[in-house]
C-alpha atoms as a PDB file:
ATOM      1  CA  MET A   1      30.572 -25.542  18.755  1.00  0.00           C
ATOM      2  CA  ALA A   2      33.500 -23.226  18.982  1.00  0.00           C
ATOM      3  CA  ASP A   3      37.304 -25.784  18.965  1.00  0.00           C
ATOM      4  CA  TYR A   4      40.316 -24.952  18.209  1.00  0.00           C
ATOM      5  CA  HIS A   5      41.643 -24.769  14.249  1.00  0.00           C
ATOM      6  CA  CYS A   6      38.237 -26.092  13.837  1.00  0.00           C
ATOM      7  CA  TYR A   7      35.116 -24.874  11.968  1.00  0.00           C
ATOM      8  CA  PRO A   8      32.773 -23.653  13.730  1.00  0.00           C
ATOM      9  CA  LEU A   9      29.653 -25.811  12.661  1.00  0.00           C
ATOM     10  CA  TRP A  10      29.154 -29.077  13.316  1.00  0.00           C
ATOM     11  CA  GLN A  11      26.874 -32.007  12.111  1.00  0.00           C
ATOM     12  CA  MET A  12      24.918 -33.665  15.440  1.00  0.00           C
ATOM     13  CA  ASN A  13      24.849 -37.168  13.503  1.00  0.00           C
ATOM     14  CA  GLU A  14      28.434 -37.731  12.198  1.00  0.00           C
ATOM     15  CA  ALA A  15      31.515 -37.160  13.931  1.00  0.00           C
ATOM     16  CA  GLY A  16      33.130 -33.149  12.213  1.00  0.00           C
ATOM     17  CA  ASN A  17      32.952 -29.953  11.879  1.00  0.00           C
ATOM     18  CA  PHE A  18      32.136 -28.167   8.539  1.00  0.00           C
ATOM     19  CA  ASP A  19      32.544 -24.879   6.833  1.00  0.00           C
ATOM     20  CA  PRO A  20      29.666 -22.683   6.571  1.00  0.00           C
ATOM     21  CA  ASP A  21      30.197 -22.365   2.149  1.00  0.00           C
ATOM     22  CA  GLN A  22      28.798 -25.468   2.739  1.00  0.00           C
ATOM     23  CA  LEU A  23      25.480 -24.244   3.504  1.00  0.00           C
ATOM     24  CA  PRO A  24      22.908 -22.031   1.965  1.00  0.00           C
ATOM     25  CA  LEU A  25      24.141 -19.120   3.968  1.00  0.00           C
ATOM     26  CA  SER A  26      24.320 -15.099   3.409  1.00  0.00           C
ATOM     27  CA  THR A  27      27.952 -13.889   2.962  1.00  0.00           C
ATOM     28  CA  VAL A  28      26.870 -11.531   5.553  1.00  0.00           C
ATOM     29  CA  LEU A  29      26.791 -14.551   8.012  1.00  0.00           C
ATOM     30  CA  LYS A  30      29.226 -15.834   6.982  1.00  0.00           C
ATOM     31  CA  LYS A  31      32.205 -13.249   8.098  1.00  0.00           C
ATOM     32  CA  PRO A  32      30.856 -13.206  11.412  1.00  0.00           C
ATOM     33  CA  LEU A  33      30.893 -16.985  11.800  1.00  0.00           C
ATOM     34  CA  LYS A  34      34.816 -17.090  10.611  1.00  0.00           C
ATOM     35  CA  ASN A  35      35.328 -14.185  13.222  1.00  0.00           C
ATOM     36  CA  TRP A  36      33.817 -15.837  15.598  1.00  0.00           C
ATOM     37  CA  VAL A  37      35.465 -18.654  15.403  1.00  0.00           C
ATOM     38  CA  GLU A  38      39.238 -17.091  14.883  1.00  0.00           C
ATOM     39  CA  TRP A  39      38.017 -14.998  18.102  1.00  0.00           C
ATOM     40  CA  TYR A  40      38.037 -18.572  19.854  1.00  0.00           C
ATOM     41  CA  ASP A  41      41.202 -20.188  18.444  1.00  0.00           C
ATOM     42  CA  ASP A  42      43.018 -16.695  19.521  1.00  0.00           C
ATOM     43  CA  THR A  43      42.633 -17.668  23.376  1.00  0.00           C
ATOM     44  CA  LEU A  44      44.722 -20.978  22.361  1.00  0.00           C
ATOM     45  CA  VAL A  45      48.200 -21.052  24.217  1.00  0.00           C
ATOM     46  CA  ALA A  46      50.021 -23.555  22.431  1.00  0.00           C
ATOM     47  CA  ASP A  47      52.947 -24.365  23.944  1.00  0.00           C
ATOM     48  CA  ASP A  48      50.797 -24.345  27.085  1.00  0.00           C
ATOM     49  CA  PRO A  49      47.494 -25.976  25.672  1.00  0.00           C
ATOM     50  CA  LEU A  50      45.719 -26.312  29.804  1.00  0.00           C
ATOM     51  CA  SER A  51      46.003 -22.393  30.003  1.00  0.00           C
ATOM     52  CA  SER A  52      43.535 -21.746  27.180  1.00  0.00           C
ATOM     53  CA  GLY A  53      40.801 -20.276  27.077  1.00  0.00           C
ATOM     54  CA  PHE A  54      39.233 -16.552  27.725  1.00  0.00           C
ATOM     55  CA  LYS A  55      41.529 -14.700  30.263  1.00  0.00           C
ATOM     56  CA  ASN A  56      38.314 -13.808  32.268  1.00  0.00           C
ATOM     57  CA  LEU A  57      34.499 -14.403  33.362  1.00  0.00           C
ATOM     58  CA  ARG A  58      33.330 -10.806  30.768  1.00  0.00           C
ATOM     59  CA  ASP A  59      34.851 -12.027  27.873  1.00  0.00           C
ATOM     60  CA  SER A  60      33.975 -15.730  27.815  1.00  0.00           C
ATOM     61  CA  VAL A  61      30.337 -13.919  28.098  1.00  0.00           C
ATOM     62  CA  LEU A  62      30.415 -11.610  25.530  1.00  0.00           C
ATOM     63  CA  PHE A  63      31.896 -14.627  23.340  1.00  0.00           C
ATOM     64  CA  GLU A  64      28.837 -16.573  24.780  1.00  0.00           C
ATOM     65  CA  GLU A  65      26.841 -13.964  23.647  1.00  0.00           C
ATOM     66  CA  GLU A  66      27.997 -13.679  19.958  1.00  0.00           C
ATOM     67  CA  GLY A  67      27.350 -16.972  19.860  1.00  0.00           C
ATOM     68  CA  LYS A  68      24.429 -17.226  21.072  1.00  0.00           C
ATOM     69  CA  PHE A  69      23.298 -14.444  18.670  1.00  0.00           C
ATOM     70  CA  LEU A  70      24.822 -16.089  15.377  1.00  0.00           C
ATOM     71  CA  TRP A  71      22.915 -19.250  16.417  1.00  0.00           C
ATOM     72  CA  GLN A  72      19.255 -17.360  16.018  1.00  0.00           C
ATOM     73  CA  GLN A  73      21.180 -15.922  12.347  1.00  0.00           C
ATOM     74  CA  LEU A  74      21.661 -19.471  10.963  1.00  0.00           C
ATOM     75  CA  GLN A  75      18.319 -20.731  12.701  1.00  0.00           C
ATOM     76  CA  ARG A  76      16.593 -17.746  10.536  1.00  0.00           C
ATOM     77  CA  GLU A  77      19.134 -18.191   7.319  1.00  0.00           C
ATOM     78  CA  LEU A  78      17.932 -21.859   7.538  1.00  0.00           C
ATOM     79  CA  ASP A  79      14.404 -22.163   8.562  1.00  0.00           C
ATOM     80  CA  GLU A  80      12.931 -25.694   8.476  1.00  0.00           C
ATOM     81  CA  GLU A  81      15.522 -27.087   6.341  1.00  0.00           C
ATOM     82  CA  TYR A  82      18.132 -27.630   9.060  1.00  0.00           C
ATOM     83  CA  ASP A  83      17.495 -28.266  13.542  1.00  0.00           C
ATOM     84  CA  VAL A  84      20.210 -26.065  14.497  1.00  0.00           C
ATOM     85  CA  PHE A  85      21.143 -25.947  17.542  1.00  0.00           C
ATOM     86  CA  TYR A  86      24.019 -24.345  20.256  1.00  0.00           C
ATOM     87  CA  PHE A  87      26.963 -25.580  22.943  1.00  0.00           C
ATOM     88  CA  SER A  88      27.221 -23.704  25.115  1.00  0.00           C
ATOM     89  CA  GLN A  89      30.554 -22.555  26.726  1.00  0.00           C
ATOM     90  CA  LEU A  90      29.909 -21.588  30.157  1.00  0.00           C
ATOM     91  CA  LYS A  91      26.919 -24.270  30.546  1.00  0.00           C
ATOM     92  CA  GLY A  92      29.013 -27.351  28.694  1.00  0.00           C
ATOM     93  CA  ARG A  93      25.901 -28.509  27.167  1.00  0.00           C
ATOM     94  CA  ILE A  94      23.626 -27.796  24.101  1.00  0.00           C
ATOM     95  CA  ILE A  95      20.892 -25.425  24.703  1.00  0.00           C
ATOM     96  CA  ASP A  96      17.193 -24.646  23.149  1.00  0.00           C
ATOM     97  CA  LEU A  97      15.775 -22.110  21.737  1.00  0.00           C
ATOM     98  CA  GLU A  98      12.917 -22.517  24.797  1.00  0.00           C
ATOM     99  CA  GLU A  99      15.354 -22.327  27.093  1.00  0.00           C
ATOM    100  CA  LEU A 100      17.535 -19.357  25.633  1.00  0.00           C
ATOM    101  CA  LYS A 101      13.944 -16.964  25.436  1.00  0.00           C
ATOM    102  CA  LYS A 102      13.195 -17.908  28.885  1.00  0.00           C
ATOM    103  CA  ALA A 103      17.012 -17.001  30.152  1.00  0.00           C
ATOM    104  CA  ALA A 104      15.799 -13.047  27.983  1.00  0.00           C
END
């Protein structure tokens, strides 16, 4: 889940986000995760937070698609050791892998 000035990963059973470096992830995945959250941070308008966000639907959709791609990569790398969920910014809720497969 993306949130301003936060790491992109959150614990479901505890409050708070955490650094991808705390997980057994490849450098190949850590870099795009950090880029993805920086992309979101770039949408923040500090002096007018209510006007923050993507400027158009196309950018929102591109961000969402990248997030879903990263989610799938996380699932592959973490395998059975972790349950990995994705919070859709566009839908405003958690989506599961089956829903993603149906949409493809």
